[in-house]
Protein backbone atom coordinates (compact mmCIF):
# COMPACT_ATOMS: atom_id res chain seq x y z
CA MET A 1 -6.10 -10.84 24.28
CA SER A 2 -7.33 -7.03 25.09
CA TYR A 3 -9.60 -6.24 27.43
CA ASN A 4 -10.48 -2.26 29.72
CA LYS A 5 -9.22 -1.68 32.19
CA LEU A 6 -12.07 1.01 33.55
CA PRO A 7 -11.84 2.94 36.93
CA GLU A 8 -13.57 1.65 39.64
CA MET A 9 -15.54 4.25 41.95
CA GLN A 10 -17.29 5.01 45.01
CA TRP A 11 -18.70 8.97 45.97
CA SER A 12 -20.07 10.49 49.40
CA GLN A 13 -21.36 13.63 49.97
CA VAL A 14 -20.11 15.65 53.09
CA GLY A 15 -22.04 18.42 53.65
CA ASP A 16 -22.14 20.26 49.75
CA VAL A 17 -18.95 19.03 48.72
CA ALA A 18 -19.06 15.25 46.28
CA VAL A 19 -16.07 13.69 47.56
CA VAL A 20 -15.39 10.75 44.58
CA GLU A 21 -12.61 7.81 45.16
CA VAL A 22 -11.03 6.43 43.10
CA LEU A 23 -10.46 2.38 44.24
CA SER A 24 -8.35 1.68 40.79
CA HIS A 25 -4.55 1.46 41.76
CA ASP A 26 -4.01 1.64 37.69
CA LEU A 27 -5.11 5.16 35.41
CA THR A 28 -3.43 4.09 32.14
CA GLY A 29 -4.49 4.38 28.91
CA PRO A 30 -7.49 6.22 26.82
CA ASP A 31 -10.67 4.36 28.19
CA ALA A 32 -9.32 4.25 31.22
CA ALA A 33 -9.21 8.29 31.16
CA ARG A 34 -12.75 8.62 29.19
CA ALA A 35 -14.69 6.92 31.70
CA LEU A 36 -13.03 8.75 34.41
CA GLY A 37 -13.61 12.47 32.42
CA GLU A 38 -17.01 11.03 31.90
CA GLN A 39 -17.94 9.88 34.76
CA LEU A 40 -16.83 12.69 37.05
CA LEU A 41 -19.29 14.74 34.50
CA ALA A 42 -21.75 12.98 34.99
CA LEU A 43 -22.03 13.65 38.26
CA TYR A 44 -22.05 16.81 38.32
CA GLN A 45 -24.32 17.43 35.65
CA THR A 46 -26.98 16.08 38.46
CA GLY A 47 -26.10 19.12 40.39
CA ARG A 48 -23.26 18.78 42.35
CA LYS A 49 -21.17 21.50 41.89
CA GLN A 50 -17.87 20.78 44.11
CA ILE A 51 -16.75 17.78 43.82
CA LEU A 52 -13.40 16.68 45.59
CA LEU A 53 -11.45 13.70 44.08
CA ASN A 54 -9.73 11.28 46.06
CA LEU A 55 -7.03 9.08 44.64
CA SER A 56 -4.94 7.49 47.47
CA HIS A 57 -5.16 4.45 45.90
CA VAL A 58 -4.19 5.52 42.40
CA ARG A 59 -0.40 3.97 42.28
CA VAL A 60 0.06 4.91 38.55
CA MET A 61 -1.59 7.45 36.03
CA SER A 62 -0.93 7.77 32.18
CA SER A 63 -0.57 11.09 30.69
CA THR A 64 -4.20 10.72 29.45
CA GLY A 65 -5.27 10.51 32.45
CA PHE A 66 -4.16 13.72 33.96
CA GLY A 67 -5.61 15.25 30.40
CA GLU A 68 -8.72 14.26 31.43
CA LEU A 69 -8.76 16.35 35.33
CA LEU A 70 -7.53 19.22 33.26
CA ARG A 71 -10.78 18.87 30.38
CA PHE A 72 -13.24 18.64 33.43
CA TRP A 73 -10.95 21.48 35.22
CA LYS A 74 -12.12 23.44 32.47
CA HIS A 75 -15.41 22.02 31.91
CA VAL A 76 -16.62 23.12 35.68
CA GLN A 77 -14.73 26.15 36.24
CA PRO A 78 -16.34 28.57 33.90
CA GLU A 79 -19.60 27.56 35.20
CA GLY A 80 -19.00 27.97 38.79
CA GLY A 81 -18.59 24.26 39.93
CA GLU A 82 -15.23 23.58 42.16
CA PHE A 83 -13.06 20.65 41.75
CA ARG A 84 -10.02 19.43 43.14
CA ALA A 85 -8.04 16.53 43.79
CA CYS A 86 -6.35 15.34 47.03
CA ALA A 87 -3.72 11.89 48.43
CA MET A 88 -2.23 11.57 45.64
CA ASP A 89 0.60 8.62 45.69
CA PRO A 90 3.93 9.92 44.92
CA THR A 91 4.44 9.02 42.12
CA VAL A 92 1.17 10.13 40.87
CA ARG A 93 1.65 13.08 42.92
CA PHE A 94 5.75 14.03 40.39
CA GLY A 95 3.52 13.23 37.05
CA ALA A 96 1.36 16.32 38.29
CA ASP A 97 3.98 18.28 39.10
CA ILE A 98 5.59 17.24 36.38
CA LEU A 99 2.60 18.40 33.82
CA SER A 100 2.32 21.75 36.35
CA LEU A 101 -1.91 20.52 37.67
CA GLY A 102 -1.90 21.80 40.35
CA HIS A 103 -1.53 25.58 38.63
CA TYR A 104 -5.45 24.61 37.53
CA ILE A 105 -7.01 22.32 39.61
CA PRO A 106 -5.95 22.67 43.45
CA LEU A 107 -4.42 19.52 44.67
CA HIS A 108 -4.30 18.44 48.58
CA ASP A 109 -2.33 16.34 50.58
CA THR A 110 -4.68 14.93 52.34
CA GLU A 111 -8.99 14.73 51.90
CA ALA A 112 -9.31 16.91 55.07
CA ALA A 113 -6.83 19.59 53.89
CA ALA A 114 -9.29 19.58 50.49
CA LEU A 115 -12.21 19.29 51.90
CA ALA A 116 -10.94 23.06 54.40
CA ALA A 117 -9.83 24.74 51.54
CA PHE A 118 -13.98 24.83 50.13
CA ALA A 119 -15.82 27.37 50.52
CA PRO A 120 -17.36 26.49 54.72
CA ALA A 121 -21.16 26.37 53.90
CA ALA A 122 -19.56 23.29 51.24
CA VAL A 123 -18.78 20.94 54.03
CA GLY A 124 -21.42 21.60 56.70
CA GLY A 125 -19.24 24.60 58.55
C-alpha cells in the first residue's frame, strides 16, 4: 500500500514577514518536496515577499526537499523577495550544511534571530 505524505504547514504574519511553520516531522520523497515548494510559492504569489520557514518540527529531510528550498529561493531572490530558514534539527542542519544551502539561503538557529535579520520595517521595528 502506498500513500503520499504531504507536509502540513501553518503560517502567521509578524510585521511584513510571513512565518511558515512546517508541522510535519518527515519531509522525504518527491511528493512532499514538491508540495512544500508549491505551498511556499503560493504564499509568495499572494504578495508576501518576505518569508521565514521554521523547520523546528522536521526531523528528516531529503535532498529533494533541500532542492525545493533552493528552487524557491531562486524564484524569490531576483524579484527582490527575501527567504530565510530557521530552527533546523541538528540532523536536518547537517544535511543543509553538506549541501552548502546556507551559501544561498540564510539559515538561523532560532526564529527570533531570523526575524531580527529581516529589515527593521519588515518586523515592525
